Amino acid sequence: MSVSRYTGPFSIFREMDSIFNSLEQSMAPAFDKEFHQLAHVGFKNSDLQETDKNISLKFDVSHYKPEELKVNLHDGILTVEGNQHKDADDTKGSFKSFFVRKWALPENVDEHSLKCELENGAIQISANKLALEDKKVRTIPIE
């Protein structure tokens, strides 16, 4: 039985990310450099940080232009998509690349404070967290 080196509410996702990165690296010699770079979109240098007061995630999207990226929030699920289509210079073909990454945000994230920035080929999404209220058990009388 192996012990996870990650802790916290997102530990399983970090562990899975690490496993997939190791698997992909072991297969790297079979792929050319361009495919290897594209296979890492959204995974390379990904960083997820969470404190009691905020949450932040950052990852590489250097192969995408801002207009090729989309960030959405629906029912507490944050979705980042990248979609690009390029025609070859010699007009004998085309290239298409697409990725989707999704995260279930903690229930106490202040959705109105979400902020998304793109800088030096990395997208960073951050938000404040609201204080969790103590949930008390309410006894309902039987009539």
C-alpha atoms as a PDB file:
ATOM      1  CA  MET A   1       0.000   0.000   0.000  1.00  0.00           C
ATOM      2  CA  SER A   2       1.408   3.378  -0.968  1.00  0.00           C
ATOM      3  CA  VAL A   3       1.045   6.515   1.101  1.00  0.00           C
ATOM      4  CA  SER A   4       0.038   9.709  -0.659  1.00  0.00           C
ATOM      5  CA  ARG A   5       2.501  12.561  -0.401  1.00  0.00           C
ATOM      6  CA  TYR A   6      -0.328  15.066  -0.850  1.00  0.00           C
ATOM      7  CA  THR A   7      -2.778  16.274   1.768  1.00  0.00           C
ATOM      8  CA  GLY A   8      -5.905  18.387   1.727  1.00  0.00           C
ATOM      9  CA  PRO A   9      -9.227  18.353  -0.084  1.00  0.00           C
ATOM     10  CA  PHE A  10      -7.620  18.195  -3.549  1.00  0.00           C
ATOM     11  CA  SER A  11      -5.041  15.541  -2.682  1.00  0.00           C
ATOM     12  CA  ILE A  12      -6.625  12.841  -4.856  1.00  0.00           C
ATOM     13  CA  PHE A  13      -6.498  15.155  -7.903  1.00  0.00           C
ATOM     14  CA  ARG A  14      -2.862  16.049  -7.276  1.00  0.00           C
ATOM     15  CA  GLU A  15      -2.005  12.354  -6.891  1.00  0.00           C
ATOM     16  CA  MET A  16      -3.812  11.500 -10.160  1.00  0.00           C
ATOM     17  CA  ASP A  17      -2.038  14.365 -11.922  1.00  0.00           C
ATOM     18  CA  SER A  18       1.290  13.038 -10.684  1.00  0.00           C
ATOM     19  CA  ILE A  19       0.489   9.484 -11.817  1.00  0.00           C
ATOM     20  CA  PHE A  20      -0.573  10.605 -15.305  1.00  0.00           C
ATOM     21  CA  ASN A  21       2.499  12.830 -15.638  1.00  0.00           C
ATOM     22  CA  SER A  22       4.743   9.882 -14.694  1.00  0.00           C
ATOM     23  CA  LEU A  23       2.982   7.629 -17.186  1.00  0.00           C
ATOM     24  CA  GLU A  24       3.241  10.199 -19.958  1.00  0.00           C
ATOM     25  CA  GLN A  25       6.939  10.791 -19.194  1.00  0.00           C
ATOM     26  CA  SER A  26       7.648   7.064 -19.409  1.00  0.00           C
ATOM     27  CA  MET A  27       6.058   7.080 -22.885  1.00  0.00           C
ATOM     28  CA  ALA A  28       7.791  10.325 -23.967  1.00  0.00           C
ATOM     29  CA  PRO A  29      10.411   8.717 -26.233  1.00  0.00           C
ATOM     30  CA  ALA A  30       7.587   7.336 -28.378  1.00  0.00           C
ATOM     31  CA  PHE A  31       6.216  10.823 -29.107  1.00  0.00           C
ATOM     32  CA  ASP A  32       7.740  13.702 -30.986  1.00  0.00           C
ATOM     33  CA  LYS A  33       8.501  16.970 -29.190  1.00  0.00           C
ATOM     34  CA  GLU A  34       5.455  18.895 -30.478  1.00  0.00           C
ATOM     35  CA  PHE A  35       3.024  16.189 -29.377  1.00  0.00           C
ATOM     36  CA  HIS A  36       4.784  15.949 -26.026  1.00  0.00           C
ATOM     37  CA  GLN A  37       4.271  19.699 -25.466  1.00  0.00           C
ATOM     38  CA  LEU A  38       0.613  19.581 -26.525  1.00  0.00           C
ATOM     39  CA  ALA A  39      -0.036  16.545 -24.321  1.00  0.00           C
ATOM     40  CA  HIS A  40       0.916  18.708 -21.354  1.00  0.00           C
ATOM     41  CA  VAL A  41      -1.535  21.533 -22.058  1.00  0.00           C
ATOM     42  CA  GLY A  42      -3.269  22.292 -18.806  1.00  0.00           C
ATOM     43  CA  PHE A  43      -1.056  19.815 -16.927  1.00  0.00           C
ATOM     44  CA  LYS A  44       2.464  21.171 -17.269  1.00  0.00           C
ATOM     45  CA  ASN A  45       3.441  23.207 -14.236  1.00  0.00           C
ATOM     46  CA  SER A  46      -0.085  23.091 -12.835  1.00  0.00           C
ATOM     47  CA  ASP A  47      -0.361  24.511  -9.355  1.00  0.00           C
ATOM     48  CA  LEU A  48      -3.382  24.390  -7.068  1.00  0.00           C
ATOM     49  CA  GLN A  49      -3.204  26.224  -3.759  1.00  0.00           C
ATOM     50  CA  GLU A  50      -5.883  26.513  -1.125  1.00  0.00           C
ATOM     51  CA  THR A  51      -5.929  28.304   2.216  1.00  0.00           C
ATOM     52  CA  ASP A  52      -8.701  29.117   4.667  1.00  0.00           C
ATOM     53  CA  LYS A  53      -9.221  32.461   2.916  1.00  0.00           C
ATOM     54  CA  ASN A  54      -8.721  31.790  -0.812  1.00  0.00           C
ATOM     55  CA  ILE A  55      -8.115  29.308  -3.593  1.00  0.00           C
ATOM     56  CA  SER A  56      -5.856  29.682  -6.611  1.00  0.00           C
ATOM     57  CA  LEU A  57      -5.011  27.504  -9.575  1.00  0.00           C
ATOM     58  CA  LYS A  58      -2.485  28.145 -12.283  1.00  0.00           C
ATOM     59  CA  PHE A  59      -1.418  26.109 -15.305  1.00  0.00           C
ATOM     60  CA  ASP A  60       0.322  26.326 -18.653  1.00  0.00           C
ATOM     61  CA  VAL A  61      -1.693  27.297 -21.744  1.00  0.00           C
ATOM     62  CA  SER A  62       1.227  28.739 -23.698  1.00  0.00           C
ATOM     63  CA  HIS A  63       0.123  27.147 -26.986  1.00  0.00           C
ATOM     64  CA  TYR A  64      -3.182  29.047 -26.931  1.00  0.00           C
ATOM     65  CA  LYS A  65      -4.097  32.649 -27.651  1.00  0.00           C
ATOM     66  CA  PRO A  66      -6.533  34.422 -25.289  1.00  0.00           C
ATOM     67  CA  GLU A  67      -9.336  34.246 -27.865  1.00  0.00           C
ATOM     68  CA  GLU A  68      -8.880  30.439 -28.026  1.00  0.00           C
ATOM     69  CA  LEU A  69      -9.556  30.029 -24.280  1.00  0.00           C
ATOM     70  CA  LYS A  70     -12.829  30.023 -22.376  1.00  0.00           C
ATOM     71  CA  VAL A  71     -13.457  29.904 -18.602  1.00  0.00           C
ATOM     72  CA  ASN A  72     -16.949  29.111 -17.266  1.00  0.00           C
ATOM     73  CA  LEU A  73     -18.573  28.463 -13.911  1.00  0.00           C
ATOM     74  CA  HIS A  74     -21.780  26.438 -13.675  1.00  0.00           C
ATOM     75  CA  ASP A  75     -23.235  24.839 -10.525  1.00  0.00           C
ATOM     76  CA  GLY A  76     -19.922  25.120  -8.666  1.00  0.00           C
ATOM     77  CA  ILE A  77     -17.922  23.491 -11.480  1.00  0.00           C
ATOM     78  CA  LEU A  78     -15.135  25.609 -12.958  1.00  0.00           C
ATOM     79  CA  THR A  79     -14.367  24.681 -16.578  1.00  0.00           C
ATOM     80  CA  VAL A  80     -11.395  25.855 -18.627  1.00  0.00           C
ATOM     81  CA  GLU A  81     -11.416  25.057 -22.349  1.00  0.00           C
ATOM     82  CA  GLY A  82      -8.920  25.678 -25.100  1.00  0.00           C
ATOM     83  CA  ASN A  83      -9.766  25.254 -28.773  1.00  0.00           C
ATOM     84  CA  GLN A  84      -7.545  26.090 -31.725  1.00  0.00           C
ATOM     85  CA  HIS A  85      -7.559  25.347 -35.419  1.00  0.00           C
ATOM     86  CA  LYS A  86      -4.673  26.212 -37.712  1.00  0.00           C
ATOM     87  CA  ASP A  87      -4.293  25.719 -41.427  1.00  0.00           C
ATOM     88  CA  ALA A  88      -0.894  24.472 -42.550  1.00  0.00           C
ATOM     89  CA  ASP A  89       1.328  27.003 -44.307  1.00  0.00           C
ATOM     90  CA  ASP A  90       1.306  24.983 -47.505  1.00  0.00           C
ATOM     91  CA  THR A  91      -2.519  24.643 -47.421  1.00  0.00           C
ATOM     92  CA  LYS A  92      -2.212  20.844 -47.578  1.00  0.00           C
ATOM     93  CA  GLY A  93      -3.646  20.250 -44.163  1.00  0.00           C
ATOM     94  CA  SER A  94      -4.726  21.667 -40.872  1.00  0.00           C
ATOM     95  CA  PHE A  95      -4.103  21.251 -37.171  1.00  0.00           C
ATOM     96  CA  LYS A  96      -6.689  21.157 -34.398  1.00  0.00           C
ATOM     97  CA  SER A  97      -6.071  21.079 -30.656  1.00  0.00           C
ATOM     98  CA  PHE A  98      -8.612  21.009 -27.839  1.00  0.00           C
ATOM     99  CA  PHE A  99      -8.561  20.536 -24.072  1.00  0.00           C
ATOM    100  CA  VAL A 100     -11.024  20.731 -21.195  1.00  0.00           C
ATOM    101  CA  ARG A 101     -10.151  20.855 -17.499  1.00  0.00           C
ATOM    102  CA  LYS A 102     -12.813  20.879 -14.763  1.00  0.00           C
ATOM    103  CA  TRP A 103     -12.680  21.485 -11.027  1.00  0.00           C
ATOM    104  CA  ALA A 104     -15.405  21.226  -8.416  1.00  0.00           C
ATOM    105  CA  LEU A 105     -14.934  24.322  -6.291  1.00  0.00           C
ATOM    106  CA  PRO A 106     -15.389  24.142  -2.519  1.00  0.00           C
ATOM    107  CA  GLU A 107     -18.888  25.188  -1.465  1.00  0.00           C
ATOM    108  CA  ASN A 108     -17.601  28.231   0.428  1.00  0.00           C
ATOM    109  CA  VAL A 109     -15.909  29.874  -2.593  1.00  0.00           C
ATOM    110  CA  ASP A 110     -17.202  33.381  -3.222  1.00  0.00           C
ATOM    111  CA  GLU A 111     -18.165  33.026  -6.889  1.00  0.00           C
ATOM    112  CA  HIS A 112     -18.394  36.809  -7.296  1.00  0.00           C
ATOM    113  CA  SER A 113     -14.712  37.189  -6.389  1.00  0.00           C
ATOM    114  CA  LEU A 114     -13.485  34.838  -9.136  1.00  0.00           C
ATOM    115  CA  LYS A 115     -10.710  36.430 -11.161  1.00  0.00           C
ATOM    116  CA  CYS A 116      -8.931  35.040 -14.236  1.00  0.00           C
ATOM    117  CA  GLU A 117      -5.616  36.318 -15.590  1.00  0.00           C
ATOM    118  CA  LEU A 118      -3.400  35.227 -18.472  1.00  0.00           C
ATOM    119  CA  GLU A 119       0.276  36.073 -18.158  1.00  0.00           C
ATOM    120  CA  ASN A 120       3.427  34.618 -19.732  1.00  0.00           C
ATOM    121  CA  GLY A 121       1.559  31.621 -21.146  1.00  0.00           C
ATOM    122  CA  ALA A 122      -0.071  30.676 -17.831  1.00  0.00           C
ATOM    123  CA  ILE A 123      -3.690  31.105 -16.818  1.00  0.00           C
ATOM    124  CA  GLN A 124      -4.357  31.861 -13.169  1.00  0.00           C
ATOM    125  CA  ILE A 125      -7.796  31.674 -11.593  1.00  0.00           C
ATOM    126  CA  SER A 126      -8.337  32.789  -8.030  1.00  0.00           C
ATOM    127  CA  ALA A 127     -11.219  33.402  -5.648  1.00  0.00           C
ATOM    128  CA  ASN A 128     -11.857  34.315  -2.048  1.00  0.00           C
ATOM    129  CA  LYS A 129     -13.533  31.937   0.353  1.00  0.00           C
ATOM    130  CA  LEU A 130     -16.411  32.793   2.627  1.00  0.00           C
ATOM    131  CA  ALA A 131     -16.405  31.768   6.275  1.00  0.00           C
ATOM    132  CA  LEU A 132     -18.129  28.465   6.856  1.00  0.00           C
ATOM    133  CA  GLU A 133     -21.009  28.756   9.259  1.00  0.00           C
ATOM    134  CA  ASP A 134     -21.357  26.141  11.936  1.00  0.00           C
ATOM    135  CA  LYS A 135     -24.210  23.940  10.921  1.00  0.00           C
ATOM    136  CA  LYS A 136     -26.332  22.998  13.889  1.00  0.00           C
ATOM    137  CA  VAL A 137     -28.599  20.030  13.997  1.00  0.00           C
ATOM    138  CA  ARG A 138     -32.219  21.019  14.145  1.00  0.00           C
ATOM    139  CA  THR A 139     -34.576  18.607  15.786  1.00  0.00           C
ATOM    140  CA  ILE A 140     -37.973  18.494  14.123  1.00  0.00           C
ATOM    141  CA  PRO A 141     -40.777  17.588  16.493  1.00  0.00           C
ATOM    142  CA  ILE A 142     -43.095  14.753  15.540  1.00  0.00           C
ATOM    143  CA  GLU A 143     -46.721  15.772  15.710  1.00  0.00           C
END
